Amino acid sequence: MAKYIDLSLEVYEGMPVYPMPGYPKPEFKTISMEDHIDEEGHQVAGRNSTIMKMLVHCGTHTNAEHHVFPGKQKVDEIPLEVLIGDAFYIKLDRKAKEAIIREDLEKAAGGKLKKGDRLIIGTGWTSKMWGKDNYYTDCPYLTENAVQWMIEKGISLVAIDFPSEKWGDQWALPNHKKIIGNRITLVEYITNTEKITKERVKLIVAPIKIKGCDGAPSRVIVIEE
């Protein structure tokens, strides 16, 4: 029997966002059933309808090329065959501010990666640290040679349970530019990776199809056969 694992964070009002100037926290407002008034001012049978205001790069999300390369591929243009398919899971034990280097990925993959594979890297950081003040500032991070290894292996998508940039690189965004610039779709802030028990799984990444946008909140699901 197949096992389904939800790697997505919940979206909720006031949830953490990347600590950048101008990045607001999500806001929700529900027009309740009691709030529906007709043209004559009479309360009518209504419905609960929620208005949502949020950054598209909040929580579990998919980054499009347009995020760091204006005018390039938008999130609604990422092919489904990139977002859905076989994935290889790498589990790494990493503490605060620890680097992930090329040799870590090479050893964990053990020569089992196929060109075009999707890659899931799990450290447990989001599961343990989401919502804490140092989630972003003390996160594990990918080194330049780790990113280069993914490029050389022909990875089509990488999903990670930590921010992709070392704190201090939040303006230059070297990993964003190198990963996305090499047509590797970047999915950030997944969670529950510790529940994955197999190396090779099926992965579904489902970003909201927002026309012309630089990214989108995403439901990310692993299926273990």
C-alpha atoms as a PDB file:
ATOM      1  CA  MET A   1       0.000   0.000   0.000  1.00  0.00           C
ATOM      2  CA  ALA A   2       1.326   3.428  -0.939  1.00  0.00           C
ATOM      3  CA  LYS A   3       2.384   5.812   1.805  1.00  0.00           C
ATOM      4  CA  TYR A   4       1.669   9.533   1.343  1.00  0.00           C
ATOM      5  CA  ILE A   5       3.830  12.112   3.126  1.00  0.00           C
ATOM      6  CA  ASP A   6       2.909  15.795   3.142  1.00  0.00           C
ATOM      7  CA  LEU A   7       6.070  17.903   3.040  1.00  0.00           C
ATOM      8  CA  SER A   8       4.183  21.223   3.116  1.00  0.00           C
ATOM      9  CA  LEU A   9       4.020  23.778   5.883  1.00  0.00           C
ATOM     10  CA  GLU A  10       0.621  25.063   6.925  1.00  0.00           C
ATOM     11  CA  VAL A  11      -0.228  28.576   5.766  1.00  0.00           C
ATOM     12  CA  TYR A  12      -1.645  30.776   8.524  1.00  0.00           C
ATOM     13  CA  GLU A  13      -1.998  34.391   9.547  1.00  0.00           C
ATOM     14  CA  GLY A  14       1.173  35.863  10.983  1.00  0.00           C
ATOM     15  CA  MET A  15       3.352  32.909   9.960  1.00  0.00           C
ATOM     16  CA  PRO A  16       7.103  33.544   9.629  1.00  0.00           C
ATOM     17  CA  VAL A  17       8.456  35.180   6.486  1.00  0.00           C
ATOM     18  CA  TYR A  18      12.009  35.743   5.359  1.00  0.00           C
ATOM     19  CA  PRO A  19      13.285  38.736   7.398  1.00  0.00           C
ATOM     20  CA  MET A  20      13.653  41.198   4.546  1.00  0.00           C
ATOM     21  CA  PRO A  21      12.413  44.809   4.569  1.00  0.00           C
ATOM     22  CA  GLY A  22       8.972  45.070   3.009  1.00  0.00           C
ATOM     23  CA  TYR A  23       8.075  41.393   3.378  1.00  0.00           C
ATOM     24  CA  PRO A  24       4.694  41.323   5.172  1.00  0.00           C
ATOM     25  CA  LYS A  25       3.309  38.423   7.137  1.00  0.00           C
ATOM     26  CA  PRO A  26       0.184  36.747   5.727  1.00  0.00           C
ATOM     27  CA  GLU A  27      -3.177  38.255   6.548  1.00  0.00           C
ATOM     28  CA  PHE A  28      -6.564  36.564   6.351  1.00  0.00           C
ATOM     29  CA  LYS A  29     -10.017  38.041   6.596  1.00  0.00           C
ATOM     30  CA  THR A  30     -13.155  35.914   6.467  1.00  0.00           C
ATOM     31  CA  ILE A  31     -16.420  37.251   5.167  1.00  0.00           C
ATOM     32  CA  SER A  32     -18.675  35.083   7.285  1.00  0.00           C
ATOM     33  CA  MET A  33     -22.126  33.755   6.519  1.00  0.00           C
ATOM     34  CA  GLU A  34     -23.569  36.435   8.798  1.00  0.00           C
ATOM     35  CA  ASP A  35     -21.813  39.223   6.901  1.00  0.00           C
ATOM     36  CA  HIS A  36     -23.696  38.742   3.647  1.00  0.00           C
ATOM     37  CA  ILE A  37     -26.159  41.595   3.158  1.00  0.00           C
ATOM     38  CA  ASP A  38     -28.275  42.045   0.043  1.00  0.00           C
ATOM     39  CA  GLU A  39     -28.840  45.283  -1.896  1.00  0.00           C
ATOM     40  CA  GLU A  40     -31.733  46.245   0.395  1.00  0.00           C
ATOM     41  CA  GLY A  41     -29.689  45.806   3.565  1.00  0.00           C
ATOM     42  CA  HIS A  42     -31.191  42.465   4.604  1.00  0.00           C
ATOM     43  CA  GLN A  43     -29.056  39.627   5.902  1.00  0.00           C
ATOM     44  CA  VAL A  44     -29.175  36.731   3.484  1.00  0.00           C
ATOM     45  CA  ALA A  45     -28.039  33.132   3.519  1.00  0.00           C
ATOM     46  CA  GLY A  46     -24.354  33.459   2.729  1.00  0.00           C
ATOM     47  CA  ARG A  47     -21.147  31.499   2.893  1.00  0.00           C
ATOM     48  CA  ASN A  48     -17.745  31.732   4.524  1.00  0.00           C
ATOM     49  CA  SER A  49     -15.293  33.315   2.064  1.00  0.00           C
ATOM     50  CA  THR A  50     -11.733  34.127   3.107  1.00  0.00           C
ATOM     51  CA  ILE A  51      -9.580  36.872   1.628  1.00  0.00           C
ATOM     52  CA  MET A  52      -5.875  36.021   1.698  1.00  0.00           C
ATOM     53  CA  LYS A  53      -2.955  38.443   1.412  1.00  0.00           C
ATOM     54  CA  MET A  54       0.534  36.920   1.408  1.00  0.00           C
ATOM     55  CA  LEU A  55       3.982  36.849  -0.119  1.00  0.00           C
ATOM     56  CA  VAL A  56       4.277  34.082  -2.737  1.00  0.00           C
ATOM     57  CA  HIS A  57       7.658  33.058  -1.277  1.00  0.00           C
ATOM     58  CA  CYS A  58       6.154  32.432   2.155  1.00  0.00           C
ATOM     59  CA  GLY A  59       6.251  28.943   3.673  1.00  0.00           C
ATOM     60  CA  THR A  60       6.706  25.955   1.373  1.00  0.00           C
ATOM     61  CA  HIS A  61       7.074  27.467  -2.082  1.00  0.00           C
ATOM     62  CA  THR A  62       8.428  27.045  -5.590  1.00  0.00           C
ATOM     63  CA  ASN A  63      10.765  29.618  -7.115  1.00  0.00           C
ATOM     64  CA  ALA A  64      10.577  30.490 -10.805  1.00  0.00           C
ATOM     65  CA  GLU A  65      13.441  31.930 -12.863  1.00  0.00           C
ATOM     66  CA  HIS A  66      11.595  35.257 -12.898  1.00  0.00           C
ATOM     67  CA  HIS A  67      12.348  35.491  -9.153  1.00  0.00           C
ATOM     68  CA  VAL A  68      16.011  36.368  -9.790  1.00  0.00           C
ATOM     69  CA  PHE A  69      16.084  36.755 -13.580  1.00  0.00           C
ATOM     70  CA  PRO A  70      13.332  39.237 -14.526  1.00  0.00           C
ATOM     71  CA  GLY A  71      11.430  38.236 -17.624  1.00  0.00           C
ATOM     72  CA  LYS A  72      12.570  34.620 -17.594  1.00  0.00           C
ATOM     73  CA  GLN A  73      10.393  31.543 -16.927  1.00  0.00           C
ATOM     74  CA  LYS A  74       7.375  32.269 -14.718  1.00  0.00           C
ATOM     75  CA  VAL A  75       5.951  29.851 -12.168  1.00  0.00           C
ATOM     76  CA  ASP A  76       2.960  28.971 -14.373  1.00  0.00           C
ATOM     77  CA  GLU A  77       5.393  27.998 -17.143  1.00  0.00           C
ATOM     78  CA  ILE A  78       7.302  25.342 -15.203  1.00  0.00           C
ATOM     79  CA  PRO A  79       6.509  22.037 -16.973  1.00  0.00           C
ATOM     80  CA  LEU A  80       4.514  19.449 -15.070  1.00  0.00           C
ATOM     81  CA  GLU A  81       7.086  16.823 -16.030  1.00  0.00           C
ATOM     82  CA  VAL A  82       9.602  18.756 -13.915  1.00  0.00           C
ATOM     83  CA  LEU A  83       7.251  19.130 -10.952  1.00  0.00           C
ATOM     84  CA  ILE A  84       6.065  15.513 -10.844  1.00  0.00           C
ATOM     85  CA  GLY A  85       8.069  12.295 -11.037  1.00  0.00           C
ATOM     86  CA  ASP A  86      10.812  10.182  -9.506  1.00  0.00           C
ATOM     87  CA  ALA A  87      12.946  11.753  -6.794  1.00  0.00           C
ATOM     88  CA  PHE A  88      15.989  10.704  -4.815  1.00  0.00           C
ATOM     89  CA  TYR A  89      16.028  11.447  -1.079  1.00  0.00           C
ATOM     90  CA  ILE A  90      19.225  12.418   0.713  1.00  0.00           C
ATOM     91  CA  LYS A  91      19.126  12.592   4.499  1.00  0.00           C
ATOM     92  CA  LEU A  92      21.829  14.660   6.190  1.00  0.00           C
ATOM     93  CA  ASP A  93      22.299  15.389   9.881  1.00  0.00           C
ATOM     94  CA  ARG A  94      23.023  19.098  10.106  1.00  0.00           C
ATOM     95  CA  LYS A  95      23.056  21.497  13.021  1.00  0.00           C
ATOM     96  CA  ALA A  96      22.826  25.272  13.049  1.00  0.00           C
ATOM     97  CA  LYS A  97      25.057  27.057  10.513  1.00  0.00           C
ATOM     98  CA  GLU A  98      26.576  23.804   9.225  1.00  0.00           C
ATOM     99  CA  ALA A  99      27.557  23.661   5.575  1.00  0.00           C
ATOM    100  CA  ILE A 100      26.434  21.036   3.082  1.00  0.00           C
ATOM    101  CA  ILE A 101      29.326  20.349   0.745  1.00  0.00           C
ATOM    102  CA  ARG A 102      29.761  18.466  -2.507  1.00  0.00           C
ATOM    103  CA  GLU A 103      31.253  15.408  -0.793  1.00  0.00           C
ATOM    104  CA  ASP A 104      28.197  15.084   1.481  1.00  0.00           C
ATOM    105  CA  LEU A 105      25.866  14.815  -1.495  1.00  0.00           C
ATOM    106  CA  GLU A 106      28.193  12.603  -3.506  1.00  0.00           C
ATOM    107  CA  LYS A 107      28.558  10.114  -0.666  1.00  0.00           C
ATOM    108  CA  ALA A 108      24.835  10.058   0.127  1.00  0.00           C
ATOM    109  CA  ALA A 109      23.839   9.608  -3.507  1.00  0.00           C
ATOM    110  CA  GLY A 110      26.257   6.722  -3.950  1.00  0.00           C
ATOM    111  CA  GLY A 111      26.162   6.922  -7.721  1.00  0.00           C
ATOM    112  CA  LYS A 112      22.414   6.189  -7.800  1.00  0.00           C
ATOM    113  CA  LEU A 113      21.208   9.475  -9.290  1.00  0.00           C
ATOM    114  CA  LYS A 114      19.837   9.558 -12.817  1.00  0.00           C
ATOM    115  CA  LYS A 115      20.039  12.548 -15.122  1.00  0.00           C
ATOM    116  CA  GLY A 116      16.835  14.558 -14.795  1.00  0.00           C
ATOM    117  CA  ASP A 117      16.138  13.241 -11.300  1.00  0.00           C
ATOM    118  CA  ARG A 118      14.468  15.414  -8.720  1.00  0.00           C
ATOM    119  CA  LEU A 119      16.401  15.676  -5.468  1.00  0.00           C
ATOM    120  CA  ILE A 120      15.050  15.990  -1.914  1.00  0.00           C
ATOM    121  CA  ILE A 121      17.539  17.083   0.739  1.00  0.00           C
ATOM    122  CA  GLY A 122      16.350  16.623   4.311  1.00  0.00           C
ATOM    123  CA  THR A 123      18.146  17.861   7.423  1.00  0.00           C
ATOM    124  CA  GLY A 124      15.175  18.093   9.787  1.00  0.00           C
ATOM    125  CA  TRP A 125      15.769  21.842  10.173  1.00  0.00           C
ATOM    126  CA  THR A 126      12.250  22.983   9.275  1.00  0.00           C
ATOM    127  CA  SER A 127      10.590  20.307  11.405  1.00  0.00           C
ATOM    128  CA  LYS A 128      12.660  21.334  14.437  1.00  0.00           C
ATOM    129  CA  MET A 129      13.085  25.063  13.974  1.00  0.00           C
ATOM    130  CA  TRP A 130      10.131  26.500  12.042  1.00  0.00           C
ATOM    131  CA  GLY A 131       8.699  29.496  13.884  1.00  0.00           C
ATOM    132  CA  LYS A 132      11.807  30.106  15.974  1.00  0.00           C
ATOM    133  CA  ASP A 133      13.694  33.381  15.747  1.00  0.00           C
ATOM    134  CA  ASN A 134      16.855  31.795  14.363  1.00  0.00           C
ATOM    135  CA  TYR A 135      15.210  29.635  11.698  1.00  0.00           C
ATOM    136  CA  TYR A 136      16.602  31.847   8.928  1.00  0.00           C
ATOM    137  CA  THR A 137      19.760  33.204  10.528  1.00  0.00           C
ATOM    138  CA  ASP A 138      21.222  29.906  11.812  1.00  0.00           C
ATOM    139  CA  CYS A 139      20.110  27.498   9.091  1.00  0.00           C
ATOM    140  CA  PRO A 140      22.307  24.867   7.428  1.00  0.00           C
ATOM    141  CA  TYR A 141      23.216  25.912   3.925  1.00  0.00           C
ATOM    142  CA  LEU A 142      24.398  24.710   0.542  1.00  0.00           C
ATOM    143  CA  THR A 143      27.947  25.586  -0.446  1.00  0.00           C
ATOM    144  CA  GLU A 144      28.878  26.657  -3.951  1.00  0.00           C
ATOM    145  CA  ASN A 145      30.469  23.287  -4.694  1.00  0.00           C
ATOM    146  CA  ALA A 146      27.336  21.447  -3.518  1.00  0.00           C
ATOM    147  CA  VAL A 147      25.263  23.475  -5.962  1.00  0.00           C
ATOM    148  CA  GLN A 148      27.820  22.805  -8.702  1.00  0.00           C
ATOM    149  CA  TRP A 149      27.513  19.071  -8.005  1.00  0.00           C
ATOM    150  CA  MET A 150      23.734  19.240  -8.591  1.00  0.00           C
ATOM    151  CA  ILE A 151      24.295  21.047 -11.870  1.00  0.00           C
ATOM    152  CA  GLU A 152      26.826  18.451 -13.019  1.00  0.00           C
ATOM    153  CA  LYS A 153      24.437  15.618 -12.111  1.00  0.00           C
ATOM    154  CA  GLY A 154      21.684  17.096 -14.268  1.00  0.00           C
ATOM    155  CA  ILE A 155      19.169  17.526 -11.446  1.00  0.00           C
ATOM    156  CA  SER A 156      15.875  18.992 -12.715  1.00  0.00           C
ATOM    157  CA  LEU A 157      14.440  20.040  -9.335  1.00  0.00           C
ATOM    158  CA  VAL A 158      15.696  20.273  -5.767  1.00  0.00           C
ATOM    159  CA  ALA A 159      13.458  20.470  -2.685  1.00  0.00           C
ATOM    160  CA  ILE A 160      15.098  21.406   0.619  1.00  0.00           C
ATOM    161  CA  ASP A 161      13.969  21.717   4.237  1.00  0.00           C
ATOM    162  CA  PHE A 162      16.023  24.823   4.991  1.00  0.00           C
ATOM    163  CA  PRO A 163      16.625  28.227   3.364  1.00  0.00           C
ATOM    164  CA  SER A 164      18.922  27.855   0.373  1.00  0.00           C
ATOM    165  CA  GLU A 165      21.199  30.781   1.248  1.00  0.00           C
ATOM    166  CA  LYS A 166      23.742  31.124   4.039  1.00  0.00           C
ATOM    167  CA  TRP A 167      22.724  34.017   6.265  1.00  0.00           C
ATOM    168  CA  GLY A 168      24.643  37.016   5.003  1.00  0.00           C
ATOM    169  CA  ASP A 169      24.012  36.126   1.358  1.00  0.00           C
ATOM    170  CA  GLN A 170      20.374  37.236   1.428  1.00  0.00           C
ATOM    171  CA  TRP A 171      21.096  40.183  -0.882  1.00  0.00           C
ATOM    172  CA  ALA A 172      23.516  38.572  -3.337  1.00  0.00           C
ATOM    173  CA  LEU A 173      21.543  35.272  -3.531  1.00  0.00           C
ATOM    174  CA  PRO A 174      24.402  33.238  -5.067  1.00  0.00           C
ATOM    175  CA  ASN A 175      22.671  29.865  -4.638  1.00  0.00           C
ATOM    176  CA  HIS A 176      19.357  31.110  -6.006  1.00  0.00           C
ATOM    177  CA  LYS A 177      21.093  32.479  -9.071  1.00  0.00           C
ATOM    178  CA  LYS A 178      23.219  29.422  -9.711  1.00  0.00           C
ATOM    179  CA  ILE A 179      20.472  26.855  -9.078  1.00  0.00           C
ATOM    180  CA  ILE A 180      17.660  28.634 -10.888  1.00  0.00           C
ATOM    181  CA  GLY A 181      19.993  29.974 -13.567  1.00  0.00           C
ATOM    182  CA  ASN A 182      20.821  26.393 -14.539  1.00  0.00           C
ATOM    183  CA  ARG A 183      17.143  25.476 -14.941  1.00  0.00           C
ATOM    184  CA  ILE A 184      16.945  23.573 -11.655  1.00  0.00           C
ATOM    185  CA  THR A 185      13.568  24.311 -10.088  1.00  0.00           C
ATOM    186  CA  LEU A 186      14.090  25.320  -6.448  1.00  0.00           C
ATOM    187  CA  VAL A 187      11.519  24.355  -3.809  1.00  0.00           C
ATOM    188  CA  GLU A 188      12.207  25.729  -0.330  1.00  0.00           C
ATOM    189  CA  TYR A 189      11.009  25.186   3.242  1.00  0.00           C
ATOM    190  CA  ILE A 190       9.614  21.688   2.903  1.00  0.00           C
ATOM    191  CA  THR A 191       9.046  19.856   6.183  1.00  0.00           C
ATOM    192  CA  ASN A 192       8.466  16.335   7.562  1.00  0.00           C
ATOM    193  CA  THR A 193      11.466  14.942   5.672  1.00  0.00           C
ATOM    194  CA  GLU A 194      12.236  12.722   8.660  1.00  0.00           C
ATOM    195  CA  LYS A 195       9.111  10.719   7.737  1.00  0.00           C
ATOM    196  CA  ILE A 196      10.615   9.631   4.409  1.00  0.00           C
ATOM    197  CA  THR A 197      11.923   6.077   4.708  1.00  0.00           C
ATOM    198  CA  LYS A 198      13.029   5.255   1.155  1.00  0.00           C
ATOM    199  CA  GLU A 199      15.765   6.627  -1.076  1.00  0.00           C
ATOM    200  CA  ARG A 200      13.699   6.639  -4.235  1.00  0.00           C
ATOM    201  CA  VAL A 201      10.181   8.036  -4.077  1.00  0.00           C
ATOM    202  CA  LYS A 202       7.542   9.756  -6.186  1.00  0.00           C
ATOM    203  CA  LEU A 203       7.399  13.511  -5.748  1.00  0.00           C
ATOM    204  CA  ILE A 204       4.537  15.888  -6.489  1.00  0.00           C
ATOM    205  CA  VAL A 205       5.186  19.629  -6.324  1.00  0.00           C
ATOM    206  CA  ALA A 206       2.012  21.643  -6.926  1.00  0.00           C
ATOM    207  CA  PRO A 207       2.581  25.424  -6.982  1.00  0.00           C
ATOM    208  CA  ILE A 208      -0.500  27.599  -7.351  1.00  0.00           C
ATOM    209  CA  LYS A 209      -0.767  28.486 -11.038  1.00  0.00           C
ATOM    210  CA  ILE A 210      -0.352  32.258 -10.743  1.00  0.00           C
ATOM    211  CA  LYS A 211      -0.012  33.767 -14.195  1.00  0.00           C
ATOM    212  CA  GLY A 212       3.301  35.537 -14.828  1.00  0.00           C
ATOM    213  CA  CYS A 213       4.487  35.231 -11.225  1.00  0.00           C
ATOM    214  CA  ASP A 214       7.988  34.736  -9.773  1.00  0.00           C
ATOM    215  CA  GLY A 215       6.936  31.950  -7.417  1.00  0.00           C
ATOM    216  CA  ALA A 216       4.012  30.369  -5.637  1.00  0.00           C
ATOM    217  CA  PRO A 217       3.023  28.665  -2.381  1.00  0.00           C
ATOM    218  CA  SER A 218       3.139  24.930  -3.025  1.00  0.00           C
ATOM    219  CA  ARG A 219       1.733  21.663  -1.791  1.00  0.00           C
ATOM    220  CA  VAL A 220       4.555  19.117  -1.837  1.00  0.00           C
ATOM    221  CA  ILE A 221       3.829  15.420  -1.456  1.00  0.00           C
ATOM    222  CA  VAL A 222       5.995  12.304  -1.436  1.00  0.00           C
ATOM    223  CA  ILE A 223       4.574   8.900  -2.320  1.00  0.00           C
ATOM    224  CA  GLU A 224       6.396   5.785  -1.169  1.00  0.00           C
ATOM    225  CA  GLU A 225       5.357   2.647  -3.021  1.00  0.00           C
END
